PDB file of all heavy atoms in Angstrom:
ATOM      1  N   PRO A   1       0.791  -1.256  -0.031  1.00  0.00           N
ATOM      2  CA  PRO A   1       0.006   0.023  -0.048  1.00  0.00           C
ATOM      3  C   PRO A   1       0.872   1.257   0.014  1.00  0.00           C
ATOM      4  O   PRO A   1       1.808   1.390   0.768  1.00  0.00           O
ATOM      5  CB  PRO A   1      -0.793  -0.152   1.290  1.00  0.00           C
ATOM      6  CG  PRO A   1      -0.942  -1.630   1.495  1.00  0.00           C
ATOM      7  CD  PRO A   1       0.365  -2.193   1.020  1.00  0.00           C
ATOM      8  N   GLY A   2       0.501   2.161  -0.917  1.00  0.00           N
ATOM      9  CA  GLY A   2       1.241   3.388  -0.967  1.00  0.00           C
ATOM     10  C   GLY A   2       2.476   3.368  -1.868  1.00  0.00           C
ATOM     11  O   GLY A   2       3.119   4.379  -2.043  1.00  0.00           O
ATOM     12  N   GLN A   3       2.739   2.210  -2.495  1.00  0.00           N
ATOM     13  CA  GLN A   3       3.896   2.053  -3.208  1.00  0.00           C
ATOM     14  C   GLN A   3       3.531   1.632  -4.638  1.00  0.00           C
ATOM     15  O   GLN A   3       2.435   1.083  -4.853  1.00  0.00           O
ATOM     16  CB  GLN A   3       4.937   1.062  -2.655  1.00  0.00           C
ATOM     17  CG  GLN A   3       5.508   1.589  -1.315  1.00  0.00           C
ATOM     18  CD  GLN A   3       6.525   0.562  -0.738  1.00  0.00           C
ATOM     19  OE1 GLN A   3       7.070  -0.191  -1.542  1.00  0.00           O
ATOM     20  NE2 GLN A   3       6.874   0.746   0.511  1.00  0.00           N
ATOM     21  N   GLU A   4       4.374   1.753  -5.636  1.00  0.00           N
ATOM     22  CA  GLU A   4       4.071   1.321  -6.978  1.00  0.00           C
ATOM     23  C   GLU A   4       4.214  -0.265  -7.030  1.00  0.00           C
ATOM     24  O   GLU A   4       4.891  -0.864  -6.256  1.00  0.00           O
ATOM     25  CB  GLU A   4       5.116   1.944  -7.958  1.00  0.00           C
ATOM     26  CG  GLU A   4       4.939   3.399  -8.136  1.00  0.00           C
ATOM     27  CD  GLU A   4       5.790   3.995  -9.249  1.00  0.00           C
ATOM     28  OE1 GLU A   4       6.630   3.257  -9.792  1.00  0.00           O
ATOM     29  OE2 GLU A   4       5.664   5.169  -9.508  1.00  0.00           O
ATOM     30  N   ARG A   5       3.521  -0.735  -8.051  1.00  0.00           N
ATOM     31  CA  ARG A   5       3.598  -2.226  -8.301  1.00  0.00           C
ATOM     32  C   ARG A   5       4.996  -2.566  -8.739  1.00  0.00           C
ATOM     33  O   ARG A   5       5.591  -1.907  -9.614  1.00  0.00           O
ATOM     34  CB  ARG A   5       2.518  -2.621  -9.326  1.00  0.00           C
ATOM     35  CG  ARG A   5       2.271  -4.074  -9.385  1.00  0.00           C
ATOM     36  CD  ARG A   5       0.976  -4.315 -10.115  1.00  0.00           C
ATOM     37  NE  ARG A   5      -0.148  -3.918  -9.298  1.00  0.00           N
ATOM     38  CZ  ARG A   5      -1.383  -4.184  -9.540  1.00  0.00           C
ATOM     39  NH1 ARG A   5      -1.718  -4.831 -10.688  1.00  0.00           N
ATOM     40  NH2 ARG A   5      -2.367  -3.802  -8.779  1.00  0.00           N
ATOM     41  N   GLU A   6       5.603  -3.602  -8.143  1.00  0.00           N
ATOM     42  CA  GLU A   6       6.941  -3.982  -8.315  1.00  0.00           C
ATOM     43  C   GLU A   6       7.034  -5.306  -9.134  1.00  0.00           C
ATOM     44  O   GLU A   6       6.344  -6.310  -8.796  1.00  0.00           O
ATOM     45  CB  GLU A   6       7.651  -4.228  -6.946  1.00  0.00           C
ATOM     46  CG  GLU A   6       9.050  -4.684  -7.051  1.00  0.00           C
ATOM     47  CD  GLU A   6       9.657  -5.047  -5.706  1.00  0.00           C
ATOM     48  OE1 GLU A   6       8.891  -5.146  -4.739  1.00  0.00           O
ATOM     49  OE2 GLU A   6      10.871  -5.396  -5.674  1.00  0.00           O
ATOM     50  N   PHE A   7       7.841  -5.234 -10.184  1.00  0.00           N
ATOM     51  CA  PHE A   7       8.079  -6.476 -10.941  1.00  0.00           C
ATOM     52  C   PHE A   7       8.922  -7.452 -10.109  1.00  0.00           C
ATOM     53  O   PHE A   7       9.906  -7.074  -9.425  1.00  0.00           O
ATOM     54  CB  PHE A   7       8.856  -6.156 -12.288  1.00  0.00           C
ATOM     55  CG  PHE A   7       9.447  -7.403 -12.940  1.00  0.00           C
ATOM     56  CD1 PHE A   7       8.592  -8.236 -13.649  1.00  0.00           C
ATOM     57  CD2 PHE A   7      10.813  -7.678 -12.820  1.00  0.00           C
ATOM     58  CE1 PHE A   7       9.157  -9.354 -14.227  1.00  0.00           C
ATOM     59  CE2 PHE A   7      11.363  -8.763 -13.414  1.00  0.00           C
ATOM     60  CZ  PHE A   7      10.506  -9.607 -14.155  1.00  0.00           C
ATOM     61  N   LEU A   8       8.578  -8.788 -10.227  1.00  0.00           N
ATOM     62  CA  LEU A   8       9.365  -9.790  -9.529  1.00  0.00           C
ATOM     63  C   LEU A   8       9.992 -10.806 -10.519  1.00  0.00           C
ATOM     64  O   LEU A   8      11.208 -10.815 -10.632  1.00  0.00           O
ATOM     65  CB  LEU A   8       8.452 -10.581  -8.581  1.00  0.00           C
ATOM     66  CG  LEU A   8       7.767  -9.804  -7.517  1.00  0.00           C
ATOM     67  CD1 LEU A   8       6.853 -10.665  -6.730  1.00  0.00           C
ATOM     68  CD2 LEU A   8       8.813  -9.184  -6.579  1.00  0.00           C
ATOM     69  N   VAL A   9       9.234 -11.511 -11.179  1.00  0.00           N
ATOM     70  CA  VAL A   9       9.732 -12.507 -12.158  1.00  0.00           C
ATOM     71  C   VAL A   9       8.762 -12.650 -13.289  1.00  0.00           C
ATOM     72  O   VAL A   9       7.561 -12.386 -13.143  1.00  0.00           O
ATOM     73  CB  VAL A   9       9.916 -13.891 -11.518  1.00  0.00           C
ATOM     74  CG1 VAL A   9      10.999 -13.879 -10.532  1.00  0.00           C
ATOM     75  CG2 VAL A   9       8.637 -14.388 -10.816  1.00  0.00           C
ATOM     76  N   ALA A  10       9.269 -13.113 -14.441  1.00  0.00           N
ATOM     77  CA  ALA A  10       8.364 -13.314 -15.582  1.00  0.00           C
ATOM     78  C   ALA A  10       8.940 -14.478 -16.439  1.00  0.00           C
ATOM     79  O   ALA A  10      10.196 -14.781 -16.340  1.00  0.00           O
ATOM     80  CB  ALA A  10       8.269 -12.068 -16.473  1.00  0.00           C
ATOM     81  N   ILE A  11       8.068 -15.015 -17.226  1.00  0.00           N
ATOM     82  CA  ILE A  11       8.517 -16.195 -18.023  1.00  0.00           C
ATOM     83  C   ILE A  11       7.847 -16.147 -19.438  1.00  0.00           C
ATOM     84  O   ILE A  11       6.706 -15.756 -19.528  1.00  0.00           O
ATOM     85  CB  ILE A  11       8.058 -17.528 -17.305  1.00  0.00           C
ATOM     86  CG1 ILE A  11       8.646 -18.785 -17.960  1.00  0.00           C
ATOM     87  CG2 ILE A  11       6.509 -17.694 -17.194  1.00  0.00           C
ATOM     88  CD1 ILE A  11       8.537 -20.019 -17.074  1.00  0.00           C
ATOM     89  N   SER A  12       8.621 -16.530 -20.459  1.00  0.00           N
ATOM     90  CA  SER A  12       8.232 -16.412 -21.723  1.00  0.00           C
ATOM     91  C   SER A  12       7.178 -17.484 -22.126  1.00  0.00           C
ATOM     92  O   SER A  12       6.865 -18.360 -21.293  1.00  0.00           O
ATOM     93  CB  SER A  12       9.378 -16.685 -22.727  1.00  0.00           C
ATOM     94  OG  SER A  12       9.889 -17.977 -22.592  1.00  0.00           O
ATOM     95  N   ARG A  13       6.529 -17.346 -23.216  1.00  0.00           N
ATOM     96  CA  ARG A  13       5.484 -18.280 -23.642  1.00  0.00           C
ATOM     97  C   ARG A  13       5.908 -19.740 -23.595  1.00  0.00           C
ATOM     98  O   ARG A  13       5.080 -20.640 -23.228  1.00  0.00           O
ATOM     99  CB  ARG A  13       4.984 -17.846 -25.012  1.00  0.00           C
ATOM    100  CG  ARG A  13       4.223 -16.551 -24.997  1.00  0.00           C
ATOM    101  CD  ARG A  13       3.917 -16.114 -26.455  1.00  0.00           C
ATOM    102  NE  ARG A  13       3.199 -17.084 -27.167  1.00  0.00           N
ATOM    103  CZ  ARG A  13       2.822 -16.900 -28.491  1.00  0.00           C
ATOM    104  NH1 ARG A  13       3.129 -15.741 -29.079  1.00  0.00           N
ATOM    105  NH2 ARG A  13       2.125 -17.900 -29.092  1.00  0.00           N
ATOM    106  N   THR A  14       7.074 -20.011 -23.979  1.00  0.00           N
ATOM    107  CA  THR A  14       7.588 -21.393 -23.967  1.00  0.00           C
ATOM    108  C   THR A  14       8.120 -21.895 -22.710  1.00  0.00           C
ATOM    109  O   THR A  14       8.393 -23.087 -22.446  1.00  0.00           O
ATOM    110  CB  THR A  14       8.635 -21.643 -25.142  1.00  0.00           C
ATOM    111  OG1 THR A  14       9.766 -20.875 -24.787  1.00  0.00           O
ATOM    112  CG2 THR A  14       8.057 -21.269 -26.448  1.00  0.00           C
ATOM    113  N   GLY A  15       8.461 -20.902 -21.837  1.00  0.00           N
ATOM    114  CA  GLY A  15       9.092 -21.207 -20.624  1.00  0.00           C
ATOM    115  C   GLY A  15      10.609 -21.262 -20.741  1.00  0.00           C
ATOM    116  O   GLY A  15      11.341 -21.483 -19.748  1.00  0.00           O
ATOM    117  N   ARG A  16      11.189 -20.955 -21.840  1.00  0.00           N
ATOM    118  CA  ARG A  16      12.631 -21.061 -22.061  1.00  0.00           C
ATOM    119  C   ARG A  16      13.294 -19.909 -21.545  1.00  0.00           C
ATOM    120  O   ARG A  16      14.515 -19.991 -21.283  1.00  0.00           O
ATOM    121  CB  ARG A  16      12.879 -21.250 -23.558  1.00  0.00           C
ATOM    122  CG  ARG A  16      12.412 -22.582 -24.185  1.00  0.00           C
ATOM    123  CD  ARG A  16      12.833 -22.564 -25.653  1.00  0.00           C
ATOM    124  NE  ARG A  16      12.359 -23.947 -26.220  1.00  0.00           N
ATOM    125  CZ  ARG A  16      12.503 -24.229 -27.518  1.00  0.00           C
ATOM    126  NH1 ARG A  16      13.153 -23.371 -28.314  1.00  0.00           N
ATOM    127  NH2 ARG A  16      12.163 -25.415 -27.996  1.00  0.00           N
ATOM    128  N   SER A  17      12.645 -18.773 -21.406  1.00  0.00           N
ATOM    129  CA  SER A  17      13.317 -17.564 -20.981  1.00  0.00           C
ATOM    130  C   SER A  17      12.572 -16.948 -19.774  1.00  0.00           C
ATOM    131  O   SER A  17      11.360 -16.976 -19.663  1.00  0.00           O
ATOM    132  CB  SER A  17      13.227 -16.492 -22.117  1.00  0.00           C
ATOM    133  OG  SER A  17      13.757 -15.247 -21.684  1.00  0.00           O
ATOM    134  N   THR A  18      13.397 -16.532 -18.824  1.00  0.00           N
ATOM    135  CA  THR A  18      12.779 -15.936 -17.664  1.00  0.00           C
ATOM    136  C   THR A  18      13.552 -14.648 -17.278  1.00  0.00           C
ATOM    137  O   THR A  18      14.693 -14.451 -17.705  1.00  0.00           O
ATOM    138  CB  THR A  18      12.886 -16.807 -16.371  1.00  0.00           C
ATOM    139  OG1 THR A  18      14.211 -17.150 -16.070  1.00  0.00           O
ATOM    140  CG2 THR A  18      12.140 -18.182 -16.588  1.00  0.00           C
ATOM    141  N   SER A  19      12.881 -13.794 -16.555  1.00  0.00           N
ATOM    142  CA  SER A  19      13.534 -12.562 -16.037  1.00  0.00           C
ATOM    143  C   SER A  19      13.238 -12.439 -14.604  1.00  0.00           C
ATOM    144  O   SER A  19      12.139 -12.817 -14.117  1.00  0.00           O
ATOM    145  CB  SER A  19      12.958 -11.342 -16.729  1.00  0.00           C
ATOM    146  OG  SER A  19      13.305 -11.310 -18.195  1.00  0.00           O
ATOM    147  N   SER A  20      14.186 -11.879 -13.812  1.00  0.00           N
ATOM    148  CA  SER A  20      13.966 -11.728 -12.372  1.00  0.00           C
ATOM    149  C   SER A  20      14.514 -10.461 -11.912  1.00  0.00           C
ATOM    150  O   SER A  20      15.494  -9.965 -12.383  1.00  0.00           O
ATOM    151  CB  SER A  20      14.785 -12.837 -11.551  1.00  0.00           C
ATOM    152  OG  SER A  20      14.271 -14.128 -11.917  1.00  0.00           O
ATOM    153  N   ALA A  21      13.801  -9.794 -10.912  1.00  0.00           N
ATOM    154  CA  ALA A  21      14.250  -8.561 -10.273  1.00  0.00           C
ATOM    155  C   ALA A  21      15.419  -8.886  -9.449  1.00  0.00           C
ATOM    156  O   ALA A  21      15.488 -10.020  -8.760  1.00  0.00           O
ATOM    157  CB  ALA A  21      13.129  -7.925  -9.531  1.00  0.00           C
ATOM    158  N   ASP A  22      16.330  -7.954  -9.231  1.00  0.00           N
ATOM    159  CA  ASP A  22      17.485  -8.193  -8.337  1.00  0.00           C
ATOM    160  C   ASP A  22      17.049  -8.502  -7.003  1.00  0.00           C
ATOM    161  O   ASP A  22      17.749  -9.261  -6.275  1.00  0.00           O
ATOM    162  CB  ASP A  22      18.421  -7.007  -8.368  1.00  0.00           C
ATOM    163  CG  ASP A  22      19.138  -6.803  -9.616  1.00  0.00           C
ATOM    164  OD1 ASP A  22      19.213  -7.823 -10.463  1.00  0.00           O
ATOM    165  OD2 ASP A  22      19.664  -5.742  -9.964  1.00  0.00           O
ATOM    166  N   SER A  23      15.985  -7.933  -6.489  1.00  0.00           N
ATOM    167  CA  SER A  23      15.576  -8.147  -5.130  1.00  0.00           C
ATOM    168  C   SER A  23      15.110  -9.507  -4.795  1.00  0.00           C
ATOM    169  O   SER A  23      15.077  -9.880  -3.551  1.00  0.00           O
ATOM    170  CB  SER A  23      14.376  -7.123  -4.818  1.00  0.00           C
ATOM    171  OG  SER A  23      13.290  -7.423  -5.654  1.00  0.00           O
ATOM    172  N   VAL A  24      14.811 -10.369  -5.828  1.00  0.00           N
ATOM    173  CA  VAL A  24      14.347 -11.646  -5.512  1.00  0.00           C
ATOM    174  C   VAL A  24      15.183 -12.687  -6.221  1.00  0.00           C
ATOM    175  O   VAL A  24      14.970 -13.929  -6.053  1.00  0.00           O
ATOM    176  CB  VAL A  24      12.857 -11.854  -5.950  1.00  0.00           C
ATOM    177  CG1 VAL A  24      12.000 -10.874  -5.147  1.00  0.00           C
ATOM    178  CG2 VAL A  24      12.687 -11.720  -7.456  1.00  0.00           C
ATOM    179  N   LYS A  25      16.209 -12.249  -6.999  1.00  0.00           N
ATOM    180  CA  LYS A  25      17.022 -13.199  -7.683  1.00  0.00           C
ATOM    181  C   LYS A  25      17.688 -14.197  -6.753  1.00  0.00           C
ATOM    182  O   LYS A  25      18.245 -13.811  -5.712  1.00  0.00           O
ATOM    183  CB  LYS A  25      18.060 -12.474  -8.511  1.00  0.00           C
ATOM    184  CG  LYS A  25      18.696 -13.276  -9.602  1.00  0.00           C
ATOM    185  CD  LYS A  25      19.373 -12.273 -10.616  1.00  0.00           C
ATOM    186  CE  LYS A  25      18.414 -11.510 -11.380  1.00  0.00           C
ATOM    187  NZ  LYS A  25      19.103 -10.642 -12.454  1.00  0.00           N
ATOM    188  N   GLY A  26      17.615 -15.504  -7.066  1.00  0.00           N
ATOM    189  CA  GLY A  26      18.163 -16.498  -6.201  1.00  0.00           C
ATOM    190  C   GLY A  26      17.233 -16.973  -5.097  1.00  0.00           C
ATOM    191  O   GLY A  26      17.453 -17.987  -4.470  1.00  0.00           O
ATOM    192  N   ARG A  27      16.162 -16.271  -4.913  1.00  0.00           N
ATOM    193  CA  ARG A  27      15.143 -16.690  -3.912  1.00  0.00           C
ATOM    194  C   ARG A  27      13.798 -17.064  -4.538  1.00  0.00           C
ATOM    195  O   ARG A  27      13.140 -17.984  -4.016  1.00  0.00           O
ATOM    196  CB  ARG A  27      14.884 -15.520  -2.892  1.00  0.00           C
ATOM    197  CG  ARG A  27      16.121 -15.133  -2.112  1.00  0.00           C
ATOM    198  CD  ARG A  27      15.757 -14.182  -0.975  1.00  0.00           C
ATOM    199  NE  ARG A  27      15.108 -12.941  -1.420  1.00  0.00           N
ATOM    200  CZ  ARG A  27      13.982 -12.565  -1.025  1.00  0.00           C
ATOM    201  NH1 ARG A  27      13.236 -13.212  -0.137  1.00  0.00           N
ATOM    202  NH2 ARG A  27      13.434 -11.394  -1.427  1.00  0.00           N
ATOM    203  N   PHE A  28      13.338 -16.384  -5.491  1.00  0.00           N
ATOM    204  CA  PHE A  28      12.096 -16.598  -6.212  1.00  0.00           C
ATOM    205  C   PHE A  28      12.359 -17.247  -7.504  1.00  0.00           C
ATOM    206  O   PHE A  28      13.205 -16.859  -8.275  1.00  0.00           O
ATOM    207  CB  PHE A  28      11.332 -15.317  -6.388  1.00  0.00           C
ATOM    208  CG  PHE A  28      10.819 -14.683  -5.156  1.00  0.00           C
ATOM    209  CD1 PHE A  28      11.214 -15.072  -3.904  1.00  0.00           C
ATOM    210  CD2 PHE A  28       9.911 -13.667  -5.237  1.00  0.00           C
ATOM    211  CE1 PHE A  28      10.711 -14.486  -2.777  1.00  0.00           C
ATOM    212  CE2 PHE A  28       9.418 -13.008  -4.086  1.00  0.00           C
ATOM    213  CZ  PHE A  28       9.817 -13.437  -2.839  1.00  0.00           C
ATOM    214  N   THR A  29      11.494 -18.231  -7.893  1.00  0.00           N
ATOM    215  CA  THR A  29      11.693 -18.945  -9.163  1.00  0.00           C
ATOM    216  C   THR A  29      10.239 -19.047  -9.783  1.00  0.00           C
ATOM    217  O   THR A  29       9.253 -19.346  -9.167  1.00  0.00           O
ATOM    218  CB  THR A  29      12.222 -20.368  -8.972  1.00  0.00           C
ATOM    219  OG1 THR A  29      13.500 -20.266  -8.272  1.00  0.00           O
ATOM    220  CG2 THR A  29      12.378 -21.042 -10.318  1.00  0.00           C
ATOM    221  N   ILE A  30      10.270 -18.765 -11.048  1.00  0.00           N
ATOM    222  CA  ILE A  30       8.944 -18.933 -11.819  1.00  0.00           C
ATOM    223  C   ILE A  30       9.100 -20.081 -12.742  1.00  0.00           C
ATOM    224  O   ILE A  30      10.094 -20.360 -13.255  1.00  0.00           O
ATOM    225  CB  ILE A  30       8.648 -17.603 -12.642  1.00  0.00           C
ATOM    226  CG1 ILE A  30       7.234 -17.634 -13.202  1.00  0.00           C
ATOM    227  CG2 ILE A  30       9.647 -17.326 -13.665  1.00  0.00           C
ATOM    228  CD1 ILE A  30       6.712 -16.347 -13.803  1.00  0.00           C
ATOM    229  N   SER A  31       7.899 -20.839 -12.897  1.00  0.00           N
ATOM    230  CA  SER A  31       7.856 -21.900 -13.851  1.00  0.00           C
ATOM    231  C   SER A  31       6.448 -21.957 -14.378  1.00  0.00           C
ATOM    232  O   SER A  31       5.531 -21.303 -13.793  1.00  0.00           O
ATOM    233  CB  SER A  31       8.232 -23.175 -13.150  1.00  0.00           C
ATOM    234  OG  SER A  31       7.286 -23.473 -12.110  1.00  0.00           O
ATOM    235  N   ARG A  32       6.280 -22.597 -15.451  1.00  0.00           N
ATOM    236  CA  ARG A  32       4.955 -22.748 -16.091  1.00  0.00           C
ATOM    237  C   ARG A  32       4.763 -24.203 -16.553  1.00  0.00           C
ATOM    238  O   ARG A  32       5.706 -24.903 -17.024  1.00  0.00           O
ATOM    239  CB  ARG A  32       4.667 -21.735 -17.116  1.00  0.00           C
ATOM    240  CG  ARG A  32       5.523 -21.903 -18.399  1.00  0.00           C
ATOM    241  CD  ARG A  32       5.327 -20.674 -19.331  1.00  0.00           C
ATOM    242  NE  ARG A  32       3.948 -20.536 -19.838  1.00  0.00           N
ATOM    243  CZ  ARG A  32       3.419 -19.489 -20.328  1.00  0.00           C
ATOM    244  NH1 ARG A  32       4.189 -18.433 -20.385  1.00  0.00           N
ATOM    245  NH2 ARG A  32       2.199 -19.418 -20.778  1.00  0.00           N
ATOM    246  N   ASP A  33       3.483 -24.557 -16.621  1.00  0.00           N
ATOM    247  CA  ASP A  33       3.069 -25.803 -17.248  1.00  0.00           C
ATOM    248  C   ASP A  33       1.990 -25.535 -18.128  1.00  0.00           C
ATOM    249  O   ASP A  33       0.812 -25.311 -17.751  1.00  0.00           O
ATOM    250  CB  ASP A  33       2.668 -26.853 -16.151  1.00  0.00           C
ATOM    251  CG  ASP A  33       2.292 -28.204 -16.714  1.00  0.00           C
ATOM    252  OD1 ASP A  33       2.041 -28.280 -17.894  1.00  0.00           O
ATOM    253  OD2 ASP A  33       2.317 -29.180 -15.957  1.00  0.00           O
ATOM    254  N   ASN A  34       2.241 -25.390 -19.437  1.00  0.00           N
ATOM    255  CA  ASN A  34       1.294 -25.003 -20.450  1.00  0.00           C
ATOM    256  C   ASN A  34       0.141 -26.033 -20.530  1.00  0.00           C
ATOM    257  O   ASN A  34      -0.955 -25.690 -20.989  1.00  0.00           O
ATOM    258  CB  ASN A  34       1.973 -24.754 -21.739  1.00  0.00           C
ATOM    259  CG  ASN A  34       2.696 -23.426 -21.782  1.00  0.00           C
ATOM    260  OD1 ASN A  34       2.492 -22.598 -20.877  1.00  0.00           O
ATOM    261  ND2 ASN A  34       3.601 -23.247 -22.722  1.00  0.00           N
ATOM    262  N   ALA A  35       0.467 -27.273 -20.261  1.00  0.00           N
ATOM    263  CA  ALA A  35      -0.540 -28.347 -20.364  1.00  0.00           C
ATOM    264  C   ALA A  35      -1.621 -28.181 -19.236  1.00  0.00           C
ATOM    265  O   ALA A  35      -2.757 -28.577 -19.435  1.00  0.00           O
ATOM    266  CB  ALA A  35       0.064 -29.686 -20.279  1.00  0.00           C
ATOM    267  N   LYS A  36      -1.225 -27.565 -18.142  1.00  0.00           N
ATOM    268  CA  LYS A  36      -2.122 -27.352 -16.977  1.00  0.00           C
ATOM    269  C   LYS A  36      -2.576 -25.927 -16.899  1.00  0.00           C
ATOM    270  O   LYS A  36      -3.217 -25.551 -15.896  1.00  0.00           O
ATOM    271  CB  LYS A  36      -1.430 -27.873 -15.754  1.00  0.00           C
ATOM    272  CG  LYS A  36      -1.138 -29.332 -15.694  1.00  0.00           C
ATOM    273  CD  LYS A  36      -0.508 -29.720 -14.336  1.00  0.00           C
ATOM    274  CE  LYS A  36      -0.148 -31.166 -14.303  1.00  0.00           C
ATOM    275  NZ  LYS A  36       0.441 -31.620 -13.045  1.00  0.00           N
ATOM    276  N   ASN A  37      -2.231 -25.046 -17.795  1.00  0.00           N
ATOM    277  CA  ASN A  37      -2.603 -23.654 -17.827  1.00  0.00           C
ATOM    278  C   ASN A  37      -2.162 -22.944 -16.517  1.00  0.00           C
ATOM    279  O   ASN A  37      -2.929 -22.137 -15.942  1.00  0.00           O
ATOM    280  CB  ASN A  37      -4.121 -23.455 -17.979  1.00  0.00           C
ATOM    281  CG  ASN A  37      -4.558 -23.885 -19.344  1.00  0.00           C
ATOM    282  OD1 ASN A  37      -3.746 -24.262 -20.237  1.00  0.00           O
ATOM    283  ND2 ASN A  37      -5.826 -23.795 -19.633  1.00  0.00           N
ATOM    284  N   THR A  38      -1.010 -23.305 -16.003  1.00  0.00           N
ATOM    285  CA  THR A  38      -0.545 -22.821 -14.669  1.00  0.00           C
ATOM    286  C   THR A  38       0.824 -22.318 -14.620  1.00  0.00           C
ATOM    287  O   THR A  38       1.680 -22.804 -15.389  1.00  0.00           O
ATOM    288  CB  THR A  38      -0.607 -24.056 -13.720  1.00  0.00           C
ATOM    289  OG1 THR A  38      -1.972 -24.582 -13.608  1.00  0.00           O
ATOM    290  CG2 THR A  38      -0.221 -23.652 -12.328  1.00  0.00           C
ATOM    291  N   VAL A  39       0.993 -21.252 -13.952  1.00  0.00           N
ATOM    292  CA  VAL A  39       2.355 -20.733 -13.622  1.00  0.00           C
ATOM    293  C   VAL A  39       2.485 -20.670 -12.177  1.00  0.00           C
ATOM    294  O   VAL A  39       1.559 -20.419 -11.385  1.00  0.00           O
ATOM    295  CB  VAL A  39       2.520 -19.324 -14.336  1.00  0.00           C
ATOM    296  CG1 VAL A  39       1.534 -18.300 -13.743  1.00  0.00           C
ATOM    297  CG2 VAL A  39       3.915 -18.773 -14.131  1.00  0.00           C
ATOM    298  N   LEU A  40       3.726 -21.044 -11.696  1.00  0.00           N
ATOM    299  CA  LEU A  40       4.021 -21.093 -10.240  1.00  0.00           C
ATOM    300  C   LEU A  40       5.056 -20.130  -9.908  1.00  0.00           C
ATOM    301  O   LEU A  40       5.995 -19.826 -10.723  1.00  0.00           O
ATOM    302  CB  LEU A  40       4.562 -22.506  -9.949  1.00  0.00           C
ATOM    303  CG  LEU A  40       3.577 -23.662 -10.204  1.00  0.00           C
ATOM    304  CD1 LEU A  40       4.207 -24.969  -9.907  1.00  0.00           C
ATOM    305  CD2 LEU A  40       2.290 -23.498  -9.376  1.00  0.00           C
TER     306      LEU A  40
END
């Protein structure tokens, strides 16, 4: 509250490419399962 929305992690459509913010790098991991329509 009171702050701007902060980017954390993102993943490409195929899952082959990811991006992470420095604040969470090494701690947060993104993954996706396109067969299950899910991103974790």
